[in-house]
Amino acid sequence: MMSDQQLKEELKNMKLTKSQMIVLDILRSSGKGGVTPKQLLDKVSFAPRTVRYALRKLLKKRLIKRVPCLQDMRQWIYVPA
């Protein structure tokens, strides 16, 4: 596992947007339980489209991963990679 300083340096090189950084910080602080997109929307004041875009870009860069929600199989839970 990377230290916080190493992670910050690597994230600077990836050129994440502000919304992507905020979503990633929320996911990292949520722990191993993960967060659904609905829970993310409750924590930020972004439009749903912005959150979906940030999640998609973070998935593409392999900074987060998604797992099925066992309580509601129609949803995904996002966790830090």
N, C-alpha and C. Protein backbone atom coordinates (compact mmCIF):
# COMPACT_ATOMS: atom_id res chain seq x y z
N MET A 1 0.85 -1.19 0.00
CA MET A 1 0.00 0.00 0.00
C MET A 1 0.89 1.24 0.00
N MET A 2 0.49 2.24 -0.77
CA MET A 2 1.25 3.47 -0.88
C MET A 2 1.01 4.38 0.32
N SER A 3 2.03 5.16 0.64
CA SER A 3 1.84 6.18 1.66
C SER A 3 1.02 7.32 1.07
N ASP A 4 0.50 8.19 1.92
CA ASP A 4 -0.31 9.30 1.44
C ASP A 4 0.50 10.23 0.53
N GLN A 5 1.76 10.45 0.88
CA GLN A 5 2.60 11.34 0.08
C GLN A 5 2.83 10.75 -1.31
N GLN A 6 3.13 9.45 -1.39
CA GLN A 6 3.34 8.81 -2.68
C GLN A 6 2.07 8.86 -3.52
N LEU A 7 0.94 8.65 -2.88
CA LEU A 7 -0.34 8.68 -3.59
C LEU A 7 -0.62 10.07 -4.15
N LYS A 8 -0.35 11.11 -3.36
CA LYS A 8 -0.57 12.47 -3.83
C LYS A 8 0.30 12.79 -5.03
N GLU A 9 1.55 12.35 -5.00
CA GLU A 9 2.45 12.59 -6.13
C GLU A 9 1.96 11.87 -7.39
N GLU A 10 1.51 10.64 -7.22
CA GLU A 10 1.03 9.89 -8.38
C GLU A 10 -0.26 10.48 -8.93
N LEU A 11 -1.13 10.97 -8.06
CA LEU A 11 -2.38 11.57 -8.51
C LEU A 11 -2.14 12.88 -9.25
N LYS A 12 -1.10 13.63 -8.85
CA LYS A 12 -0.76 14.86 -9.57
C LYS A 12 -0.37 14.54 -11.01
N ASN A 13 0.34 13.45 -11.20
CA ASN A 13 0.77 13.06 -12.54
C ASN A 13 -0.39 12.60 -13.41
N MET A 14 -1.48 12.13 -12.78
CA MET A 14 -2.64 11.65 -13.54
C MET A 14 -3.56 12.77 -13.99
N LYS A 15 -3.36 13.95 -13.46
CA LYS A 15 -4.15 15.13 -13.83
C LYS A 15 -5.65 14.90 -13.66
N LEU A 16 -6.04 14.57 -12.44
CA LEU A 16 -7.45 14.38 -12.12
C LEU A 16 -8.15 15.73 -11.99
N THR A 17 -9.42 15.76 -12.35
CA THR A 17 -10.20 16.97 -12.16
C THR A 17 -10.55 17.12 -10.68
N LYS A 18 -11.04 18.30 -10.33
CA LYS A 18 -11.40 18.56 -8.94
C LYS A 18 -12.52 17.62 -8.48
N SER A 19 -13.50 17.39 -9.33
CA SER A 19 -14.60 16.50 -8.95
C SER A 19 -14.10 15.06 -8.78
N GLN A 20 -13.17 14.63 -9.61
CA GLN A 20 -12.61 13.28 -9.47
C GLN A 20 -11.83 13.16 -8.16
N MET A 21 -11.08 14.20 -7.81
CA MET A 21 -10.34 14.17 -6.54
C MET A 21 -11.28 14.09 -5.35
N ILE A 22 -12.37 14.86 -5.38
CA ILE A 22 -13.32 14.86 -4.27
C ILE A 22 -13.99 13.50 -4.15
N VAL A 23 -14.41 12.92 -5.27
CA VAL A 23 -15.04 11.60 -5.24
C VAL A 23 -14.04 10.56 -4.72
N LEU A 24 -12.81 10.62 -5.16
CA LEU A 24 -11.80 9.68 -4.70
C LEU A 24 -11.53 9.83 -3.21
N ASP A 25 -11.48 11.06 -2.71
CA ASP A 25 -11.28 11.29 -1.27
C ASP A 25 -12.43 10.71 -0.45
N ILE A 26 -13.66 10.87 -0.94
CA ILE A 26 -14.81 10.31 -0.22
C ILE A 26 -14.74 8.79 -0.20
N LEU A 27 -14.37 8.20 -1.33
CA LEU A 27 -14.26 6.74 -1.38
C LEU A 27 -13.15 6.23 -0.48
N ARG A 28 -12.02 6.94 -0.43
CA ARG A 28 -10.92 6.52 0.43
C ARG A 28 -11.29 6.65 1.90
N SER A 29 -12.07 7.67 2.26
CA SER A 29 -12.45 7.85 3.66
C SER A 29 -13.60 6.93 4.07
N SER A 30 -14.30 6.34 3.10
CA SER A 30 -15.43 5.47 3.43
C SER A 30 -14.98 4.09 3.90
N GLY A 31 -13.76 3.72 3.61
CA GLY A 31 -13.25 2.44 4.07
C GLY A 31 -13.59 1.32 3.10
N LYS A 32 -13.54 0.10 3.60
CA LYS A 32 -13.74 -1.07 2.76
C LYS A 32 -15.20 -1.32 2.43
N GLY A 33 -16.12 -0.67 3.14
CA GLY A 33 -17.53 -0.87 2.89
C GLY A 33 -17.99 -0.32 1.56
N GLY A 34 -17.32 0.71 1.08
CA GLY A 34 -17.67 1.29 -0.20
C GLY A 34 -18.86 2.23 -0.13
N VAL A 35 -19.17 2.82 -1.26
CA VAL A 35 -20.22 3.82 -1.35
C VAL A 35 -20.99 3.59 -2.65
N THR A 36 -22.30 3.75 -2.60
CA THR A 36 -23.11 3.71 -3.81
C THR A 36 -23.13 5.10 -4.43
N PRO A 37 -23.47 5.20 -5.70
CA PRO A 37 -23.57 6.53 -6.32
C PRO A 37 -24.58 7.44 -5.59
N LYS A 38 -25.67 6.87 -5.11
CA LYS A 38 -26.67 7.65 -4.37
C LYS A 38 -26.06 8.24 -3.10
N GLN A 39 -25.27 7.45 -2.38
CA GLN A 39 -24.62 7.93 -1.16
C GLN A 39 -23.60 9.03 -1.51
N LEU A 40 -22.92 8.88 -2.63
CA LEU A 40 -21.98 9.92 -3.07
C LEU A 40 -22.72 11.22 -3.35
N LEU A 41 -23.85 11.13 -4.02
CA LEU A 41 -24.63 12.33 -4.33
C LEU A 41 -25.10 13.04 -3.07
N ASP A 42 -25.38 12.27 -2.02
CA ASP A 42 -25.81 12.87 -0.76
C ASP A 42 -24.68 13.64 -0.09
N LYS A 43 -23.43 13.24 -0.36
CA LYS A 43 -22.27 13.87 0.29
C LYS A 43 -21.70 15.06 -0.47
N VAL A 44 -21.99 15.16 -1.75
CA VAL A 44 -21.44 16.26 -2.56
C VAL A 44 -22.58 17.06 -3.18
N SER A 45 -22.25 18.22 -3.66
CA SER A 45 -23.28 19.07 -4.28
C SER A 45 -23.13 19.08 -5.81
N PHE A 46 -22.65 17.98 -6.36
CA PHE A 46 -22.48 17.87 -7.80
C PHE A 46 -23.76 17.36 -8.44
N ALA A 47 -23.87 17.58 -9.72
CA ALA A 47 -24.96 17.00 -10.50
C ALA A 47 -24.71 15.50 -10.64
N PRO A 48 -25.77 14.71 -10.75
CA PRO A 48 -25.57 13.25 -10.91
C PRO A 48 -24.66 12.90 -12.09
N ARG A 49 -24.76 13.68 -13.16
CA ARG A 49 -23.94 13.42 -14.32
C ARG A 49 -22.45 13.61 -14.00
N THR A 50 -22.12 14.58 -13.19
CA THR A 50 -20.74 14.84 -12.81
C THR A 50 -20.18 13.68 -12.00
N VAL A 51 -20.99 13.15 -11.07
CA VAL A 51 -20.55 12.02 -10.25
C VAL A 51 -20.35 10.78 -11.12
N ARG A 52 -21.27 10.52 -12.04
CA ARG A 52 -21.13 9.36 -12.93
C ARG A 52 -19.87 9.49 -13.79
N TYR A 53 -19.61 10.69 -14.29
CA TYR A 53 -18.43 10.93 -15.11
C TYR A 53 -17.15 10.69 -14.29
N ALA A 54 -17.12 11.22 -13.08
CA ALA A 54 -15.94 11.05 -12.22
C ALA A 54 -15.71 9.57 -11.91
N LEU A 55 -16.78 8.85 -11.60
CA LEU A 55 -16.65 7.42 -11.31
C LEU A 55 -16.13 6.66 -12.53
N ARG A 56 -16.66 6.99 -13.69
CA ARG A 56 -16.23 6.32 -14.92
C ARG A 56 -14.75 6.56 -15.19
N LYS A 57 -14.30 7.80 -15.02
CA LYS A 57 -12.89 8.13 -15.27
C LYS A 57 -11.97 7.48 -14.24
N LEU A 58 -12.40 7.43 -12.98
CA LEU A 58 -11.60 6.79 -11.94
C LEU A 58 -11.51 5.29 -12.16
N LEU A 59 -12.59 4.69 -12.65
CA LEU A 59 -12.56 3.26 -12.99
C LEU A 59 -11.58 3.00 -14.12
N LYS A 60 -11.62 3.87 -15.12
CA LYS A 60 -10.74 3.71 -16.28
C LYS A 60 -9.27 3.81 -15.89
N LYS A 61 -8.97 4.68 -14.91
CA LYS A 61 -7.59 4.84 -14.45
C LYS A 61 -7.22 3.83 -13.37
N ARG A 62 -8.15 2.93 -13.06
CA ARG A 62 -7.95 1.84 -12.08
C ARG A 62 -7.64 2.35 -10.67
N LEU A 63 -8.20 3.49 -10.32
CA LEU A 63 -8.04 4.01 -8.96
C LEU A 63 -9.13 3.50 -8.04
N ILE A 64 -10.25 3.10 -8.63
CA ILE A 64 -11.35 2.52 -7.85
C ILE A 64 -11.83 1.27 -8.58
N LYS A 65 -12.63 0.49 -7.88
CA LYS A 65 -13.27 -0.66 -8.52
C LYS A 65 -14.71 -0.72 -8.04
N ARG A 66 -15.53 -1.43 -8.78
CA ARG A 66 -16.93 -1.54 -8.39
C ARG A 66 -17.27 -3.00 -8.16
N VAL A 67 -18.10 -3.20 -7.16
CA VAL A 67 -18.56 -4.54 -6.81
C VAL A 67 -20.08 -4.49 -6.69
N PRO A 68 -20.75 -5.62 -6.94
CA PRO A 68 -22.21 -5.60 -6.83
C PRO A 68 -22.65 -5.40 -5.38
N CYS A 69 -23.73 -4.67 -5.23
CA CYS A 69 -24.32 -4.46 -3.91
C CYS A 69 -25.14 -5.70 -3.57
N LEU A 70 -24.84 -6.36 -2.46
CA LEU A 70 -25.53 -7.59 -2.12
C LEU A 70 -26.95 -7.36 -1.60
N GLN A 71 -27.24 -6.16 -1.10
CA GLN A 71 -28.59 -5.85 -0.65
C GLN A 71 -29.52 -5.53 -1.82
N ASP A 72 -28.97 -4.92 -2.86
CA ASP A 72 -29.76 -4.53 -4.03
C ASP A 72 -28.91 -4.77 -5.27
N MET A 73 -29.13 -5.87 -5.93
CA MET A 73 -28.26 -6.27 -7.05
C MET A 73 -28.38 -5.35 -8.27
N ARG A 74 -29.27 -4.36 -8.22
CA ARG A 74 -29.37 -3.39 -9.31
C ARG A 74 -28.32 -2.30 -9.18
N GLN A 75 -27.68 -2.21 -8.02
CA GLN A 75 -26.71 -1.14 -7.75
C GLN A 75 -25.29 -1.68 -7.71
N TRP A 76 -24.36 -0.77 -7.82
CA TRP A 76 -22.94 -1.06 -7.66
C TRP A 76 -22.43 -0.32 -6.43
N ILE A 77 -21.41 -0.89 -5.79
CA ILE A 77 -20.70 -0.22 -4.70
C ILE A 77 -19.30 0.05 -5.21
N TYR A 78 -18.85 1.27 -5.01
CA TYR A 78 -17.52 1.68 -5.46
C TYR A 78 -16.57 1.72 -4.27
N VAL A 79 -15.41 1.11 -4.44
CA VAL A 79 -14.40 1.06 -3.38
C VAL A 79 -13.05 1.46 -3.97
N PRO A 80 -12.16 1.99 -3.14
CA PRO A 80 -10.81 2.32 -3.66
C PRO A 80 -10.08 1.05 -4.07
N ALA A 81 -9.29 1.14 -5.11
CA ALA A 81 -8.54 -0.04 -5.61
C ALA A 81 -7.34 -0.32 -4.74
